[in-house]
């Protein structure tokens, strides 16, 4: 039972780990797709403001992302310099440094950075950079992982109860019957009988095995009786021969 339960546990753990890992990849893919859509919308809306060099209008467009709680900051670069920015929290700028050169994304431990080119008639006017935190993704992922782990634990408990039932109904009768067969092969004691327990099939099997033992025991008894009869017959023959020899000797002496 222990081996069976361990096997079931390992297989189900591997299955759940695979499901969790696959869902993690799905959450990452979903985060990328969602942020890509946001970046494209903001980039398209910012085309006029960047084209007319109106940083105030561009800042207002970026500020519209206040409703998105996952956005940490959004920045527009023009000609390699900071043109407009929005930041969720009032603190030192987190986006200092060289801007990216094209449409790309990059995952860090706590954030997803997305860049989107701002174009007009095929000409690149600037580039939008958005950073999104991953709190929502991790929350959904941990919630999913928790549900999967809970299902795993319930499944293991269910497997334990089921295997316990199987051991009582199936394994124990088989083990008992196997032990009896081994004992019979060693001791040749055909007076022993199998326990009639378990399901209908095992009851039938045990009764059939006991019936076979009854036949073997009856044959053993018959053979023993035959051996005794044969022994008595040999004794009688020996006595008869002895008497004849004595009679012959007596007749010789009289002559």
Protein backbone atom coordinates (compact mmCIF):
# COMPACT_ATOMS: atom_id res chain seq x y z
CA UNK A 1 0.00 0.00 0.00
CA UNK A 2 2.84 2.38 0.88
CA UNK A 3 4.46 1.89 -2.53
CA UNK A 4 1.14 2.39 -4.32
CA UNK A 5 0.37 5.53 -2.33
CA UNK A 6 3.87 6.89 -2.95
CA UNK A 7 3.54 6.21 -6.67
CA UNK A 8 0.18 7.96 -6.85
CA UNK A 9 1.54 10.91 -4.84
CA UNK A 10 4.60 11.33 -7.07
CA UNK A 11 2.56 11.12 -10.28
CA UNK A 12 -0.07 13.57 -9.07
CA UNK A 13 2.60 15.96 -7.75
CA UNK A 14 4.35 15.94 -11.13
CA UNK A 15 1.02 16.49 -12.87
CA UNK A 16 0.10 19.41 -10.60
CA UNK A 17 3.59 20.90 -10.96
CA UNK A 18 3.18 20.73 -14.73
CA UNK A 19 -0.23 22.42 -14.51
CA UNK A 20 1.12 25.17 -12.24
CA UNK A 21 4.13 25.81 -14.49
CA UNK A 22 1.93 25.88 -17.60
CA UNK A 23 -0.45 28.31 -15.91
CA UNK A 24 2.50 30.50 -14.89
CA UNK A 25 3.53 30.71 -18.55
CA UNK A 26 -0.08 31.53 -19.48
CA UNK A 27 -0.17 34.33 -16.89
CA UNK A 28 3.07 35.78 -18.29
CA UNK A 29 1.71 35.55 -21.85
CA UNK A 30 -1.53 37.21 -20.78
CA UNK A 31 0.36 40.03 -19.05
CA UNK A 32 2.44 40.65 -22.18
CA UNK A 33 -0.64 40.72 -24.42
CA UNK A 34 -2.54 43.05 -22.09
CA UNK A 35 0.34 45.51 -21.72
CA UNK A 36 1.04 45.41 -25.47
CA UNK A 37 -2.55 46.51 -26.16
CA UNK A 38 -2.24 49.36 -23.63
CA UNK A 39 1.10 50.46 -25.10
CA UNK A 40 -0.25 50.51 -28.66
CA UNK A 41 -3.29 52.57 -27.64
CA UNK A 42 -1.17 55.14 -25.80
CA UNK A 43 1.39 55.27 -28.62
CA UNK A 44 -1.34 55.89 -31.22
CA UNK A 45 -2.99 58.57 -29.08
CA UNK A 46 0.36 60.30 -28.53
CA UNK A 47 1.24 60.61 -32.21
CA UNK A 48 -0.13 64.15 -32.62
CA UNK A 49 1.32 65.45 -29.37
CA UNK A 50 4.80 64.14 -30.19
CA UNK A 51 4.54 65.34 -33.79
CA UNK A 52 3.70 68.91 -32.68
CA UNK A 53 6.23 68.74 -29.85
CA UNK A 54 3.48 69.25 -27.26
CA UNK A 55 4.89 67.62 -24.13
CA UNK A 56 2.00 68.88 -21.96
CA UNK A 57 -0.58 67.10 -24.12
CA UNK A 58 1.59 63.99 -24.15
CA UNK A 59 1.80 64.10 -20.34
CA UNK A 60 -1.99 64.35 -20.09
CA UNK A 61 -2.33 61.32 -22.36
CA UNK A 62 0.06 59.34 -20.18
CA UNK A 63 -1.82 60.47 -17.06
CA UNK A 64 -4.91 58.72 -18.39
CA UNK A 65 -3.20 55.49 -17.26
CA UNK A 66 -3.99 56.41 -13.64
CA UNK A 67 -7.01 54.10 -13.89
CA UNK A 68 -4.68 51.18 -14.53
CA UNK A 69 -3.44 50.22 -11.08
CA UNK A 70 -0.75 47.96 -12.49
CA UNK A 71 1.13 50.77 -14.30
CA UNK A 72 4.17 51.96 -12.33
CA UNK A 73 5.23 54.56 -14.86
CA UNK A 74 4.97 55.52 -18.53
CA UNK A 75 7.54 57.54 -20.41
CA UNK A 76 7.80 59.00 -23.92
CA UNK A 77 11.25 59.59 -25.36
CA UNK A 78 11.81 61.83 -28.37
CA UNK A 79 15.16 61.96 -30.10
CA UNK A 80 16.67 60.03 -27.19
CA UNK A 81 15.55 62.55 -24.57
CA UNK A 82 12.74 62.48 -22.01
CA UNK A 83 9.69 64.12 -23.58
CA UNK A 84 6.78 63.30 -21.24
CA UNK A 85 6.21 61.05 -18.25
CA UNK A 86 3.67 59.66 -15.81
CA UNK A 87 4.54 58.05 -12.50
CA UNK A 88 2.11 56.31 -10.16
CA UNK A 89 3.96 57.25 -6.98
CA UNK A 90 5.69 60.52 -6.28
CA UNK A 91 9.32 59.53 -5.94
CA UNK A 92 12.61 59.72 -7.76
CA UNK A 93 12.38 58.82 -11.42
CA UNK A 94 12.78 55.10 -12.01
CA UNK A 95 13.20 55.33 -15.77
CA UNK A 96 16.51 57.15 -16.09
CA UNK A 97 18.87 55.70 -18.65
CA UNK A 98 19.04 54.98 -22.36
CA UNK A 99 15.66 54.35 -23.99
CA UNK A 100 15.09 51.09 -25.89
CA UNK A 101 15.36 51.12 -29.66
CA UNK A 102 12.23 49.24 -30.73
CA UNK A 103 9.14 47.26 -29.82
CA UNK A 104 10.22 44.87 -27.11
CA UNK A 105 9.48 43.69 -23.61
CA UNK A 106 11.54 42.53 -20.65
CA UNK A 107 10.57 40.71 -17.47
CA UNK A 108 12.20 41.42 -14.14
CA UNK A 109 11.33 39.81 -10.80
CA UNK A 110 8.66 42.36 -9.95
CA UNK A 111 7.87 44.13 -13.20
CA UNK A 112 7.30 43.92 -16.93
CA UNK A 113 8.82 46.64 -19.14
CA UNK A 114 7.21 47.27 -22.52
CA UNK A 115 8.41 49.62 -25.25
CA UNK A 116 6.37 50.73 -28.27
CA UNK A 117 7.49 52.90 -31.18
CA UNK A 118 5.42 56.02 -31.88
CA UNK A 119 5.12 56.30 -35.66
CA UNK A 120 3.42 58.56 -38.18
CA UNK A 121 3.33 57.60 -41.87
CA UNK A 122 6.11 55.09 -41.29
CA UNK A 123 8.36 57.64 -39.60
CA UNK A 124 9.41 57.01 -36.01
CA UNK A 125 8.64 60.08 -33.87
CA UNK A 126 9.55 58.67 -30.48
CA UNK A 127 9.22 55.67 -28.24
CA UNK A 128 6.87 54.86 -25.38
CA UNK A 129 8.12 52.87 -22.39
CA UNK A 130 5.67 51.44 -19.85
CA UNK A 131 6.46 49.54 -16.68
CA UNK A 132 3.79 47.32 -15.12
CA UNK A 133 4.13 45.62 -11.78
CA UNK A 134 3.29 41.94 -11.51
CA UNK A 135 1.24 42.01 -8.32
CA UNK A 136 -1.98 41.04 -10.04
CA UNK A 137 -0.26 38.27 -12.00
CA UNK A 138 1.39 36.84 -8.89
CA UNK A 139 -1.86 37.09 -6.93
CA UNK A 140 -3.78 35.16 -9.61
CA UNK A 141 -0.93 32.69 -9.96
CA UNK A 142 -0.68 32.03 -6.21
CA UNK A 143 -4.47 31.68 -6.01
CA UNK A 144 -4.40 29.14 -8.83
CA UNK A 145 -1.43 27.30 -7.30
CA UNK A 146 -3.22 27.21 -3.94
CA UNK A 147 -6.32 25.68 -5.51
CA UNK A 148 -4.22 23.09 -7.35
CA UNK A 149 -2.30 22.19 -4.18
CA UNK A 150 -5.57 21.88 -2.27
CA UNK A 151 -6.90 19.56 -4.97
CA UNK A 152 -3.63 17.59 -4.78
CA UNK A 153 -3.95 17.14 -1.01
CA UNK A 154 -7.59 16.11 -1.30
CA UNK A 155 -6.65 13.67 -4.06
CA UNK A 156 -3.87 12.13 -1.96
CA UNK A 157 -6.23 11.72 0.99
CA UNK A 158 -8.83 10.19 -1.32
CA UNK A 159 -6.20 7.86 -2.80
CA UNK A 160 -5.14 6.82 0.70
CA UNK A 161 -8.71 6.01 1.70
CA UNK A 162 -9.34 4.20 -1.58
CA UNK A 163 -6.12 2.18 -1.33
CA UNK A 164 -6.94 1.32 2.28
CA UNK A 165 -10.29 0.01 1.12
CA UNK A 166 -8.64 -1.90 -1.72
CA UNK A 167 -6.11 -3.38 0.67
CA UNK A 168 -8.89 -4.67 2.88
CA UNK A 169 -10.96 -5.99 0.00
CA UNK A 170 -8.27 -7.12 -2.44
CA UNK A 171 -4.71 -7.03 -1.14
CA UNK A 172 -5.30 -8.70 2.22
CA UNK A 173 -7.17 -11.74 0.78
CA UNK A 174 -4.50 -12.17 -1.91
CA UNK A 175 -1.69 -11.90 0.66
CA UNK A 176 -3.47 -14.37 2.94
CA UNK A 177 -3.92 -16.84 0.09
CA UNK A 178 -0.30 -16.44 -1.05
CA UNK A 179 0.91 -17.01 2.51
CA UNK A 180 -1.19 -20.17 2.79
CA UNK A 181 0.21 -21.52 -0.50
CA UNK A 182 3.78 -20.89 0.70
CA UNK A 183 3.01 -22.59 4.01
CA UNK A 184 1.51 -25.63 2.26
CA UNK A 185 4.55 -25.98 0.01
CA UNK A 186 6.85 -26.02 3.03
CA UNK A 187 4.92 -27.98 5.67
CA UNK A 188 2.71 -30.20 3.46
CA UNK A 189 -0.06 -29.69 5.99
CA UNK A 190 -3.25 -29.98 3.96
CA UNK A 191 -5.51 -29.52 6.98
CA UNK A 192 -5.16 -25.75 6.74
CA UNK A 193 -7.79 -23.69 4.98
CA UNK A 194 -7.97 -20.23 3.36
CA UNK A 195 -9.96 -17.47 5.05
CA UNK A 196 -13.21 -16.79 3.22
CA UNK A 197 -13.20 -12.95 3.08
CA UNK A 198 -13.17 -10.04 0.63
CA UNK A 199 -15.37 -9.46 -2.37
CA UNK A 200 -17.54 -12.02 -4.13
CA UNK A 201 -14.71 -13.06 -6.46
CA UNK A 202 -12.32 -13.67 -3.57
CA UNK A 203 -14.94 -15.59 -1.60
CA UNK A 204 -15.44 -17.84 -4.63
CA UNK A 205 -11.66 -18.19 -5.07
CA UNK A 206 -11.14 -19.06 -1.39
CA UNK A 207 -13.97 -21.61 -1.43
CA UNK A 208 -12.58 -23.19 -4.60
CA UNK A 209 -9.09 -23.34 -3.07
CA UNK A 210 -10.48 -24.92 0.11
CA UNK A 211 -12.40 -27.47 -1.98
CA UNK A 212 -9.15 -28.35 -3.74
CA UNK A 213 -7.45 -28.80 -0.37
CA UNK A 214 -10.33 -31.05 0.73
CA UNK A 215 -9.75 -33.27 -2.30
CA UNK A 216 -6.01 -33.39 -1.68
CA UNK A 217 -6.55 -34.23 1.98
CA UNK A 218 -9.07 -36.98 1.08
CA UNK A 219 -6.59 -38.49 -1.37
CA UNK A 220 -3.88 -38.35 1.27
CA UNK A 221 -6.17 -40.24 3.65
CA UNK A 222 -7.02 -42.81 0.97
CA UNK A 223 -3.34 -43.30 0.15
CA UNK A 224 -2.56 -43.76 3.82
CA UNK A 225 -5.29 -46.39 4.10
CA UNK A 226 -3.94 -48.18 1.04
CA UNK A 227 -0.46 -48.10 2.50
CA UNK A 228 -1.79 -49.65 5.74
CA UNK A 229 -3.71 -52.35 3.82
CA UNK A 230 -0.61 -53.10 1.78
CA UNK A 231 1.47 -53.33 4.92
CA UNK A 232 -1.05 -55.74 6.50
CA UNK A 233 -1.13 -57.88 3.37
CA UNK A 234 2.65 -58.14 3.39
CA UNK A 235 2.60 -59.13 7.05
CA UNK A 236 0.03 -61.85 6.43
CA UNK A 237 2.03 -63.16 3.49
CA UNK A 238 5.16 -63.21 5.59
CA UNK A 239 3.38 -65.15 8.35
CA UNK A 240 1.97 -67.62 5.83
CA UNK A 241 5.42 -68.24 4.35
CA UNK A 242 6.89 -68.67 7.79
CA UNK A 243 4.25 -71.27 8.70
CA UNK A 244 4.92 -73.20 5.48
CA UNK A 245 8.63 -73.31 6.16
CA UNK A 246 8.01 -74.57 9.67
CA UNK A 247 5.65 -77.29 8.33
CA UNK A 248 8.18 -78.38 5.72
CA UNK A 249 10.93 -78.59 8.31
CA UNK A 250 8.74 -80.67 10.62
CA UNK A 251 7.96 -83.10 7.78
CA UNK A 252 11.67 -83.50 6.98
CA UNK A 253 12.44 -84.26 10.61
CA UNK A 254 9.76 -87.01 10.70
CA UNK A 255 11.21 -88.65 7.64
